[in-house]
All heavy atoms as atom14 arrays in JSON, in Angstrom:
{
  "sequence": "DRVLVRRIEGDAKTSGGLIIPDTAKEKPQEGEIVAVGAGAKDED",
  "atom14_mask": [
    [1, 1, 1, 1, 1, 1, 1, 1, 0, 0, 0, 0, 0, 0],
    [1, 1, 1, 1, 1, 1, 1, 1, 1, 1, 1, 0, 0, 0],
    [1, 1, 1, 1, 1, 1, 1, 0, 0, 0, 0, 0, 0, 0],
    [1, 1, 1, 1, 1, 1, 1, 1, 0, 0, 0, 0, 0, 0],
    [1, 1, 1, 1, 1, 1, 1, 0, 0, 0, 0, 0, 0, 0],
    [1, 1, 1, 1, 1, 1, 1, 1, 1, 1, 1, 0, 0, 0],
    [1, 1, 1, 1, 1, 1, 1, 1, 1, 1, 1, 0, 0, 0],
    [1, 1, 1, 1, 1, 1, 1, 1, 0, 0, 0, 0, 0, 0],
    [1, 1, 1, 1, 1, 1, 1, 1, 1, 0, 0, 0, 0, 0],
    [1, 1, 1, 1, 0, 0, 0, 0, 0, 0, 0, 0, 0, 0],
    [1, 1, 1, 1, 1, 1, 1, 1, 0, 0, 0, 0, 0, 0],
    [1, 1, 1, 1, 1, 0, 0, 0, 0, 0, 0, 0, 0, 0],
    [1, 1, 1, 1, 1, 1, 1, 1, 1, 0, 0, 0, 0, 0],
    [1, 1, 1, 1, 1, 1, 1, 0, 0, 0, 0, 0, 0, 0],
    [1, 1, 1, 1, 1, 1, 0, 0, 0, 0, 0, 0, 0, 0],
    [1, 1, 1, 1, 0, 0, 0, 0, 0, 0, 0, 0, 0, 0],
    [1, 1, 1, 1, 0, 0, 0, 0, 0, 0, 0, 0, 0, 0],
    [1, 1, 1, 1, 1, 1, 1, 1, 0, 0, 0, 0, 0, 0],
    [1, 1, 1, 1, 1, 1, 1, 1, 0, 0, 0, 0, 0, 0],
    [1, 1, 1, 1, 1, 1, 1, 1, 0, 0, 0, 0, 0, 0],
    [1, 1, 1, 1, 1, 1, 1, 0, 0, 0, 0, 0, 0, 0],
    [1, 1, 1, 1, 1, 1, 1, 1, 0, 0, 0, 0, 0, 0],
    [1, 1, 1, 1, 1, 1, 1, 0, 0, 0, 0, 0, 0, 0],
    [1, 1, 1, 1, 1, 0, 0, 0, 0, 0, 0, 0, 0, 0],
    [1, 1, 1, 1, 1, 1, 1, 1, 1, 0, 0, 0, 0, 0],
    [1, 1, 1, 1, 1, 1, 1, 1, 1, 0, 0, 0, 0, 0],
    [1, 1, 1, 1, 1, 1, 1, 1, 1, 0, 0, 0, 0, 0],
    [1, 1, 1, 1, 1, 1, 1, 0, 0, 0, 0, 0, 0, 0],
    [1, 1, 1, 1, 1, 1, 1, 1, 1, 0, 0, 0, 0, 0],
    [1, 1, 1, 1, 1, 1, 1, 1, 1, 0, 0, 0, 0, 0],
    [1, 1, 1, 1, 0, 0, 0, 0, 0, 0, 0, 0, 0, 0],
    [1, 1, 1, 1, 1, 1, 1, 1, 1, 0, 0, 0, 0, 0],
    [1, 1, 1, 1, 1, 1, 1, 1, 0, 0, 0, 0, 0, 0],
    [1, 1, 1, 1, 1, 1, 1, 0, 0, 0, 0, 0, 0, 0],
    [1, 1, 1, 1, 1, 0, 0, 0, 0, 0, 0, 0, 0, 0],
    [1, 1, 1, 1, 1, 1, 1, 0, 0, 0, 0, 0, 0, 0],
    [1, 1, 1, 1, 0, 0, 0, 0, 0, 0, 0, 0, 0, 0],
    [1, 1, 1, 1, 1, 0, 0, 0, 0, 0, 0, 0, 0, 0],
    [1, 1, 1, 1, 0, 0, 0, 0, 0, 0, 0, 0, 0, 0],
    [1, 1, 1, 1, 1, 0, 0, 0, 0, 0, 0, 0, 0, 0],
    [1, 1, 1, 1, 1, 1, 1, 1, 1, 0, 0, 0, 0, 0],
    [1, 1, 1, 1, 1, 1, 1, 1, 0, 0, 0, 0, 0, 0],
    [1, 1, 1, 1, 1, 1, 1, 1, 1, 0, 0, 0, 0, 0],
    [1, 1, 1, 1, 1, 1, 1, 1, 0, 0, 0, 0, 0, 0]
  ],
  "atom14_positions": [
    [[-1.37, -6.54, -14.07], [-0.51, -7.52, -13.49], [-0.69, -7.6, -11.94], [0.26, -7.84, -11.18], [0.94, -7.23, -13.84], [1.34, -5.86, -13.31], [0.54, -4.97, -12.99], [2.56, -5.58, -13.24], [0.0, 0.0, 0.0], [0.0, 0.0, 0.0], [0.0, 0.0, 0.0], [0.0, 0.0, 0.0], [0.0, 0.0, 0.0], [0.0, 0.0, 0.0]],
    [[-1.9, -7.49, -11.49], [-2.14, -7.6, -10.09], [-2.77, -8.93, -9.7], [-3.39, -9.55, -10.5], [-3.13, -6.46, -9.63], [-2.43, -5.11, -9.69], [-3.35, -4.01, -9.19], [-2.68, -2.77, -9.1], [-2.44, -1.97, -10.12], [-2.82, -2.29, -11.36], [-1.81, -0.78, -10.0], [0.0, 0.0, 0.0], [0.0, 0.0, 0.0], [0.0, 0.0, 0.0]],
    [[-2.59, -9.34, -8.42], [-3.17, -10.6, -7.92], [-3.85, -10.34, -6.61], [-3.52, -9.41, -5.88], [-2.09, -11.71, -7.76], [-1.4, -12.04, -9.07], [-1.05, -11.23, -6.71], [0.0, 0.0, 0.0], [0.0, 0.0, 0.0], [0.0, 0.0, 0.0], [0.0, 0.0, 0.0], [0.0, 0.0, 0.0], [0.0, 0.0, 0.0], [0.0, 0.0, 0.0]],
    [[-4.93, -11.13, -6.37], [-5.73, -11.06, -5.09], [-5.2, -12.24, -4.24], [-5.14, -13.39, -4.74], [-7.19, -11.2, -5.4], [-8.11, -11.01, -4.26], [-8.01, -9.59, -3.67], [-9.53, -11.3, -4.61], [0.0, 0.0, 0.0], [0.0, 0.0, 0.0], [0.0, 0.0, 0.0], [0.0, 0.0, 0.0], [0.0, 0.0, 0.0], [0.0, 0.0, 0.0]],
    [[-4.77, -11.97, -3.01], [-4.09, -12.99, -2.14], [-4.77, -13.09, -0.81], [-5.21, -12.08, -0.19], [-2.63, -12.48, -1.86], [-1.9, -13.41, -0.94], [-1.87, -12.44, -3.24], [0.0, 0.0, 0.0], [0.0, 0.0, 0.0], [0.0, 0.0, 0.0], [0.0, 0.0, 0.0], [0.0, 0.0, 0.0], [0.0, 0.0, 0.0], [0.0, 0.0, 0.0]],
    [[-4.97, -14.3, -0.34], [-5.47, -14.6, 0.96], [-4.29, -15.0, 1.88], [-3.51, -15.94, 1.42], [-6.43, -15.8, 0.97], [-6.99, -16.21, 2.28], [-7.94, -17.37, 2.24], [-9.14, -16.98, 1.44], [-9.43, -17.62, 0.22], [-8.74, -18.58, -0.31], [-10.51, -17.25, -0.43], [0.0, 0.0, 0.0], [0.0, 0.0, 0.0], [0.0, 0.0, 0.0]],
    [[-3.99, -14.3, 2.94], [-2.91, -14.68, 3.81], [-3.08, -16.06, 4.43], [-4.28, -16.43, 4.7], [-2.77, -13.71, 4.96], [-2.19, -12.4, 4.63], [-1.96, -11.63, 5.87], [-1.66, -10.22, 5.63], [-0.48, -9.71, 5.44], [0.66, -10.49, 5.6], [-0.25, -8.45, 5.21], [0.0, 0.0, 0.0], [0.0, 0.0, 0.0], [0.0, 0.0, 0.0]],
    [[-1.97, -16.84, 4.57], [-2.11, -18.12, 5.22], [-1.45, -17.92, 6.63], [-0.36, -17.48, 6.73], [-1.3, -19.15, 4.43], [-1.96, -19.38, 3.16], [-1.17, -20.49, 5.24], [-1.2, -20.28, 2.19], [0.0, 0.0, 0.0], [0.0, 0.0, 0.0], [0.0, 0.0, 0.0], [0.0, 0.0, 0.0], [0.0, 0.0, 0.0], [0.0, 0.0, 0.0]],
    [[-2.28, -18.15, 7.73], [-1.85, -18.0, 9.05], [-0.82, -19.04, 9.4], [-0.97, -20.23, 9.11], [-3.02, -18.03, 9.99], [-4.06, -16.95, 9.76], [-3.54, -15.52, 10.02], [-2.6, -15.35, 10.99], [-3.9, -14.55, 9.34], [0.0, 0.0, 0.0], [0.0, 0.0, 0.0], [0.0, 0.0, 0.0], [0.0, 0.0, 0.0], [0.0, 0.0, 0.0]],
    [[0.18, -18.53, 10.16], [1.23, -19.52, 10.68], [0.91, -20.05, 11.99], [-0.21, -19.77, 12.53], [0.0, 0.0, 0.0], [0.0, 0.0, 0.0], [0.0, 0.0, 0.0], [0.0, 0.0, 0.0], [0.0, 0.0, 0.0], [0.0, 0.0, 0.0], [0.0, 0.0, 0.0], [0.0, 0.0, 0.0], [0.0, 0.0, 0.0], [0.0, 0.0, 0.0]],
    [[1.81, -20.79, 12.59], [1.53, -21.35, 13.91], [1.49, -20.3, 14.99], [2.15, -19.3, 14.92], [2.69, -22.36, 14.33], [2.69, -23.64, 13.41], [1.59, -23.94, 12.82], [3.7, -24.31, 13.33], [0.0, 0.0, 0.0], [0.0, 0.0, 0.0], [0.0, 0.0, 0.0], [0.0, 0.0, 0.0], [0.0, 0.0, 0.0], [0.0, 0.0, 0.0]],
    [[0.66, -20.56, 15.97], [0.53, -19.63, 17.12], [1.39, -20.1, 18.29], [1.21, -19.57, 19.4], [-0.91, -19.55, 17.54], [0.0, 0.0, 0.0], [0.0, 0.0, 0.0], [0.0, 0.0, 0.0], [0.0, 0.0, 0.0], [0.0, 0.0, 0.0], [0.0, 0.0, 0.0], [0.0, 0.0, 0.0], [0.0, 0.0, 0.0], [0.0, 0.0, 0.0]],
    [[2.29, -21.02, 18.12], [3.23, -21.44, 19.15], [4.66, -21.38, 18.68], [4.96, -21.57, 17.53], [2.9, -22.96, 19.48], [1.58, -23.22, 20.2], [1.5, -24.67, 20.56], [0.2, -24.89, 21.3], [0.05, -26.35, 21.61], [0.0, 0.0, 0.0], [0.0, 0.0, 0.0], [0.0, 0.0, 0.0], [0.0, 0.0, 0.0], [0.0, 0.0, 0.0]],
    [[5.58, -21.16, 19.64], [6.99, -21.26, 19.33], [7.39, -22.67, 19.23], [6.68, -23.61, 19.69], [7.77, -20.57, 20.42], [7.64, -21.29, 21.65], [7.37, -19.11, 20.61], [0.0, 0.0, 0.0], [0.0, 0.0, 0.0], [0.0, 0.0, 0.0], [0.0, 0.0, 0.0], [0.0, 0.0, 0.0], [0.0, 0.0, 0.0], [0.0, 0.0, 0.0]],
    [[8.66, -22.96, 18.87], [9.09, -24.29, 18.75], [9.26, -24.97, 20.17], [9.19, -26.13, 20.34], [10.52, -24.35, 18.09], [11.38, -23.53, 18.79], [0.0, 0.0, 0.0], [0.0, 0.0, 0.0], [0.0, 0.0, 0.0], [0.0, 0.0, 0.0], [0.0, 0.0, 0.0], [0.0, 0.0, 0.0], [0.0, 0.0, 0.0], [0.0, 0.0, 0.0]],
    [[9.29, -24.15, 21.19], [9.38, -24.6, 22.55], [7.97, -24.85, 23.17], [7.84, -25.33, 24.3], [0.0, 0.0, 0.0], [0.0, 0.0, 0.0], [0.0, 0.0, 0.0], [0.0, 0.0, 0.0], [0.0, 0.0, 0.0], [0.0, 0.0, 0.0], [0.0, 0.0, 0.0], [0.0, 0.0, 0.0], [0.0, 0.0, 0.0], [0.0, 0.0, 0.0]],
    [[6.91, -24.55, 22.4], [5.55, -24.8, 22.93], [4.82, -23.62, 23.55], [3.71, -23.68, 23.99], [0.0, 0.0, 0.0], [0.0, 0.0, 0.0], [0.0, 0.0, 0.0], [0.0, 0.0, 0.0], [0.0, 0.0, 0.0], [0.0, 0.0, 0.0], [0.0, 0.0, 0.0], [0.0, 0.0, 0.0], [0.0, 0.0, 0.0], [0.0, 0.0, 0.0]],
    [[5.5, -22.47, 23.57], [4.84, -21.24, 24.11], [3.9, -20.7, 23.07], [4.11, -20.67, 21.99], [5.9, -20.08, 24.46], [6.93, -20.55, 25.55], [7.96, -19.34, 25.61], [6.21, -20.77, 26.8], [0.0, 0.0, 0.0], [0.0, 0.0, 0.0], [0.0, 0.0, 0.0], [0.0, 0.0, 0.0], [0.0, 0.0, 0.0], [0.0, 0.0, 0.0]],
    [[2.7, -20.24, 23.7], [1.7, -19.76, 22.82], [1.96, -18.21, 22.63], [2.17, -17.49, 23.56], [0.27, -19.93, 23.43], [-0.05, -21.4, 23.42], [-0.8, -19.15, 22.62], [-1.32, -21.74, 24.22], [0.0, 0.0, 0.0], [0.0, 0.0, 0.0], [0.0, 0.0, 0.0], [0.0, 0.0, 0.0], [0.0, 0.0, 0.0], [0.0, 0.0, 0.0]],
    [[1.86, -17.78, 21.35], [2.16, -16.36, 21.05], [0.82, -15.65, 21.03], [-0.07, -16.02, 20.22], [2.88, -16.27, 19.65], [4.18, -17.04, 19.65], [3.1, -14.78, 19.27], [4.8, -17.21, 18.23], [0.0, 0.0, 0.0], [0.0, 0.0, 0.0], [0.0, 0.0, 0.0], [0.0, 0.0, 0.0], [0.0, 0.0, 0.0], [0.0, 0.0, 0.0]],
    [[0.64, -14.61, 21.75], [-0.49, -13.77, 21.77], [-0.75, -13.03, 20.42], [0.29, -12.75, 19.77], [-0.44, -12.86, 22.99], [1.03, -12.77, 23.19], [1.65, -14.06, 22.76], [0.0, 0.0, 0.0], [0.0, 0.0, 0.0], [0.0, 0.0, 0.0], [0.0, 0.0, 0.0], [0.0, 0.0, 0.0], [0.0, 0.0, 0.0], [0.0, 0.0, 0.0]],
    [[-1.91, -12.77, 20.06], [-2.23, -12.07, 18.85], [-1.53, -10.67, 18.77], [-1.11, -10.35, 17.69], [-3.7, -11.81, 18.67], [-4.46, -13.11, 18.36], [-3.85, -14.12, 17.8], [-5.69, -13.14, 18.57], [0.0, 0.0, 0.0], [0.0, 0.0, 0.0], [0.0, 0.0, 0.0], [0.0, 0.0, 0.0], [0.0, 0.0, 0.0], [0.0, 0.0, 0.0]],
    [[-1.35, -10.04, 19.87], [-0.71, -8.75, 19.78], [0.84, -8.82, 19.46], [1.38, -7.82, 19.01], [-0.93, -7.98, 21.12], [-0.39, -8.9, 22.19], [-2.33, -7.64, 21.35], [0.0, 0.0, 0.0], [0.0, 0.0, 0.0], [0.0, 0.0, 0.0], [0.0, 0.0, 0.0], [0.0, 0.0, 0.0], [0.0, 0.0, 0.0], [0.0, 0.0, 0.0]],
    [[1.45, -10.0, 19.68], [2.86, -10.15, 19.43], [3.13, -10.77, 18.04], [4.32, -10.86, 17.69], [3.44, -10.93, 20.58], [0.0, 0.0, 0.0], [0.0, 0.0, 0.0], [0.0, 0.0, 0.0], [0.0, 0.0, 0.0], [0.0, 0.0, 0.0], [0.0, 0.0, 0.0], [0.0, 0.0, 0.0], [0.0, 0.0, 0.0], [0.0, 0.0, 0.0]],
    [[2.14, -11.31, 17.4], [2.31, -11.97, 16.14], [2.6, -11.05, 15.03], [2.06, -9.95, 14.98], [1.05, -12.79, 15.77], [0.79, -14.02, 16.5], [-0.31, -14.78, 15.82], [-1.03, -15.65, 16.84], [-2.29, -16.15, 16.2], [0.0, 0.0, 0.0], [0.0, 0.0, 0.0], [0.0, 0.0, 0.0], [0.0, 0.0, 0.0], [0.0, 0.0, 0.0]],
    [[3.5, -11.5, 14.15], [3.75, -10.73, 12.91], [2.81, -11.2, 11.9], [2.42, -12.43, 11.87], [5.12, -10.87, 12.45], [6.1, -10.19, 13.17], [7.61, -10.12, 12.59], [7.66, -10.27, 11.33], [8.49, -9.92, 13.35], [0.0, 0.0, 0.0], [0.0, 0.0, 0.0], [0.0, 0.0, 0.0], [0.0, 0.0, 0.0], [0.0, 0.0, 0.0]],
    [[2.39, -10.38, 10.95], [1.55, -10.82, 9.92], [2.28, -11.82, 8.98], [3.46, -11.55, 8.68], [0.97, -9.66, 9.06], [0.04, -8.74, 9.87], [-0.62, -7.77, 8.94], [-1.65, -6.94, 9.78], [-2.29, -5.97, 8.94], [0.0, 0.0, 0.0], [0.0, 0.0, 0.0], [0.0, 0.0, 0.0], [0.0, 0.0, 0.0], [0.0, 0.0, 0.0]],
    [[1.65, -12.88, 8.54], [2.3, -13.81, 7.71], [2.66, -13.23, 6.36], [2.01, -12.42, 5.86], [1.31, -15.0, 7.64], [-0.01, -14.39, 7.93], [0.2, -13.24, 8.84], [0.0, 0.0, 0.0], [0.0, 0.0, 0.0], [0.0, 0.0, 0.0], [0.0, 0.0, 0.0], [0.0, 0.0, 0.0], [0.0, 0.0, 0.0], [0.0, 0.0, 0.0]],
    [[3.76, -13.7, 5.79], [4.28, -13.28, 4.55], [4.01, -14.41, 3.51], [4.75, -14.51, 2.42], [5.76, -12.92, 4.62], [5.95, -11.69, 5.44], [7.48, -11.49, 5.63], [8.06, -11.77, 6.63], [8.1, -10.89, 4.6], [0.0, 0.0, 0.0], [0.0, 0.0, 0.0], [0.0, 0.0, 0.0], [0.0, 0.0, 0.0], [0.0, 0.0, 0.0]],
    [[3.12, -15.25, 3.82], [2.77, -16.41, 2.98], [1.24, -16.29, 2.6], [0.45, -15.92, 3.47], [3.08, -17.69, 3.68], [2.91, -18.96, 2.85], [3.34, -20.2, 3.66], [4.25, -20.06, 4.53], [2.74, -21.23, 3.46], [0.0, 0.0, 0.0], [0.0, 0.0, 0.0], [0.0, 0.0, 0.0], [0.0, 0.0, 0.0], [0.0, 0.0, 0.0]],
    [[0.88, -16.69, 1.4], [-0.53, -16.53, 1.0], [-0.74, -17.45, -0.16], [0.08, -18.03, -0.72], [0.0, 0.0, 0.0], [0.0, 0.0, 0.0], [0.0, 0.0, 0.0], [0.0, 0.0, 0.0], [0.0, 0.0, 0.0], [0.0, 0.0, 0.0], [0.0, 0.0, 0.0], [0.0, 0.0, 0.0], [0.0, 0.0, 0.0], [0.0, 0.0, 0.0]],
    [[-2.12, -17.53, -0.44], [-2.63, -18.29, -1.54], [-3.32, -17.31, -2.51], [-4.1, -16.44, -2.06], [-3.65, -19.31, -1.06], [-4.28, -20.1, -2.25], [-5.38, -20.99, -1.76], [-5.7, -21.01, -0.49], [-6.01, -21.69, -2.57], [0.0, 0.0, 0.0], [0.0, 0.0, 0.0], [0.0, 0.0, 0.0], [0.0, 0.0, 0.0], [0.0, 0.0, 0.0]],
    [[-2.96, -17.42, -3.82], [-3.57, -16.57, -4.78], [-5.06, -17.06, -5.05], [-5.3, -18.14, -5.33], [-2.75, -16.58, -6.11], [-1.37, -16.03, -5.86], [-3.47, -15.83, -7.17], [-0.47, -15.99, -7.07], [0.0, 0.0, 0.0], [0.0, 0.0, 0.0], [0.0, 0.0, 0.0], [0.0, 0.0, 0.0], [0.0, 0.0, 0.0], [0.0, 0.0, 0.0]],
    [[-5.88, -15.98, -4.95], [-7.38, -16.16, -5.11], [-7.81, -15.88, -6.58], [-8.51, -16.58, -7.17], [-8.15, -15.3, -4.13], [-9.65, -15.47, -4.32], [-7.78, -15.69, -2.69], [0.0, 0.0, 0.0], [0.0, 0.0, 0.0], [0.0, 0.0, 0.0], [0.0, 0.0, 0.0], [0.0, 0.0, 0.0], [0.0, 0.0, 0.0], [0.0, 0.0, 0.0]],
    [[-7.2, -14.74, -7.11], [-7.56, -14.35, -8.45], [-6.35, -13.69, -9.0], [-5.54, -13.07, -8.4], [-8.73, -13.41, -8.44], [0.0, 0.0, 0.0], [0.0, 0.0, 0.0], [0.0, 0.0, 0.0], [0.0, 0.0, 0.0], [0.0, 0.0, 0.0], [0.0, 0.0, 0.0], [0.0, 0.0, 0.0], [0.0, 0.0, 0.0], [0.0, 0.0, 0.0]],
    [[-6.21, -13.72, -10.42], [-5.16, -13.18, -11.11], [-5.66, -12.29, -12.3], [-6.65, -12.63, -12.93], [-4.27, -14.3, -11.79], [-3.06, -13.8, -12.58], [-3.74, -15.22, -10.68], [0.0, 0.0, 0.0], [0.0, 0.0, 0.0], [0.0, 0.0, 0.0], [0.0, 0.0, 0.0], [0.0, 0.0, 0.0], [0.0, 0.0, 0.0], [0.0, 0.0, 0.0]],
    [[-4.98, -11.09, -12.5], [-5.31, -10.21, -13.62], [-4.85, -10.83, -14.87], [-4.19, -11.85, -15.04], [0.0, 0.0, 0.0], [0.0, 0.0, 0.0], [0.0, 0.0, 0.0], [0.0, 0.0, 0.0], [0.0, 0.0, 0.0], [0.0, 0.0, 0.0], [0.0, 0.0, 0.0], [0.0, 0.0, 0.0], [0.0, 0.0, 0.0], [0.0, 0.0, 0.0]],
    [[-5.28, -10.16, -15.96], [-4.96, -10.64, -17.32], [-3.43, -10.49, -17.72], [-2.96, -11.13, -18.68], [-5.82, -9.98, -18.32], [0.0, 0.0, 0.0], [0.0, 0.0, 0.0], [0.0, 0.0, 0.0], [0.0, 0.0, 0.0], [0.0, 0.0, 0.0], [0.0, 0.0, 0.0], [0.0, 0.0, 0.0], [0.0, 0.0, 0.0], [0.0, 0.0, 0.0]],
    [[-2.78, -9.65, -16.99], [-1.32, -9.41, -17.31], [-1.14, -7.97, -17.83], [-2.03, -7.39, -18.4], [0.0, 0.0, 0.0], [0.0, 0.0, 0.0], [0.0, 0.0, 0.0], [0.0, 0.0, 0.0], [0.0, 0.0, 0.0], [0.0, 0.0, 0.0], [0.0, 0.0, 0.0], [0.0, 0.0, 0.0], [0.0, 0.0, 0.0], [0.0, 0.0, 0.0]],
    [[0.05, -7.45, -17.68], [0.46, -6.12, -18.17], [0.55, -6.2, -19.7], [0.61, -7.27, -20.29], [1.76, -5.71, -17.48], [0.0, 0.0, 0.0], [0.0, 0.0, 0.0], [0.0, 0.0, 0.0], [0.0, 0.0, 0.0], [0.0, 0.0, 0.0], [0.0, 0.0, 0.0], [0.0, 0.0, 0.0], [0.0, 0.0, 0.0], [0.0, 0.0, 0.0]],
    [[0.64, -5.02, -20.28], [0.89, -4.89, -21.72], [2.21, -4.37, -22.02], [2.7, -3.4, -21.26], [-0.22, -4.02, -22.4], [-1.61, -4.62, -22.37], [-2.58, -3.73, -23.05], [-3.95, -4.4, -23.15], [-4.9, -3.62, -23.9], [0.0, 0.0, 0.0], [0.0, 0.0, 0.0], [0.0, 0.0, 0.0], [0.0, 0.0, 0.0], [0.0, 0.0, 0.0]],
    [[2.87, -4.83, -23.06], [4.15, -4.34, -23.46], [3.98, -3.07, -24.33], [2.91, -2.63, -24.51], [5.04, -5.39, -24.13], [4.52, -5.88, -25.47], [3.56, -5.25, -26.02], [4.94, -6.84, -25.99], [0.0, 0.0, 0.0], [0.0, 0.0, 0.0], [0.0, 0.0, 0.0], [0.0, 0.0, 0.0], [0.0, 0.0, 0.0], [0.0, 0.0, 0.0]],
    [[5.05, -2.46, -24.85], [5.0, -1.25, -25.63], [4.19, -1.43, -26.91], [3.63, -0.39, -27.43], [6.43, -0.82, -25.95], [7.19, -0.38, -24.77], [8.64, -0.04, -25.06], [9.02, 0.0, -26.3], [9.41, 0.3, -24.1], [0.0, 0.0, 0.0], [0.0, 0.0, 0.0], [0.0, 0.0, 0.0], [0.0, 0.0, 0.0], [0.0, 0.0, 0.0]],
    [[4.08, -2.6, -27.42], [3.34, -2.87, -28.64], [1.85, -3.17, -28.37], [1.08, -3.43, -29.3], [3.9, -4.07, -29.46], [5.38, -3.69, -29.85], [5.66, -2.5, -30.18], [6.2, -4.72, -29.93], [0.0, 0.0, 0.0], [0.0, 0.0, 0.0], [0.0, 0.0, 0.0], [0.0, 0.0, 0.0], [0.0, 0.0, 0.0], [0.0, 0.0, 0.0]]
  ]
}
């Protein structure tokens, strides 16, 4: 039940137009699924 994910980078500017340096950026919590496993198995 695992998936392979590619992060999707967000904007590098604030809403006011300031550029955010790489050292201050948080890693994005959004991504695109690249590959999917077959799924977990139940008790049966």
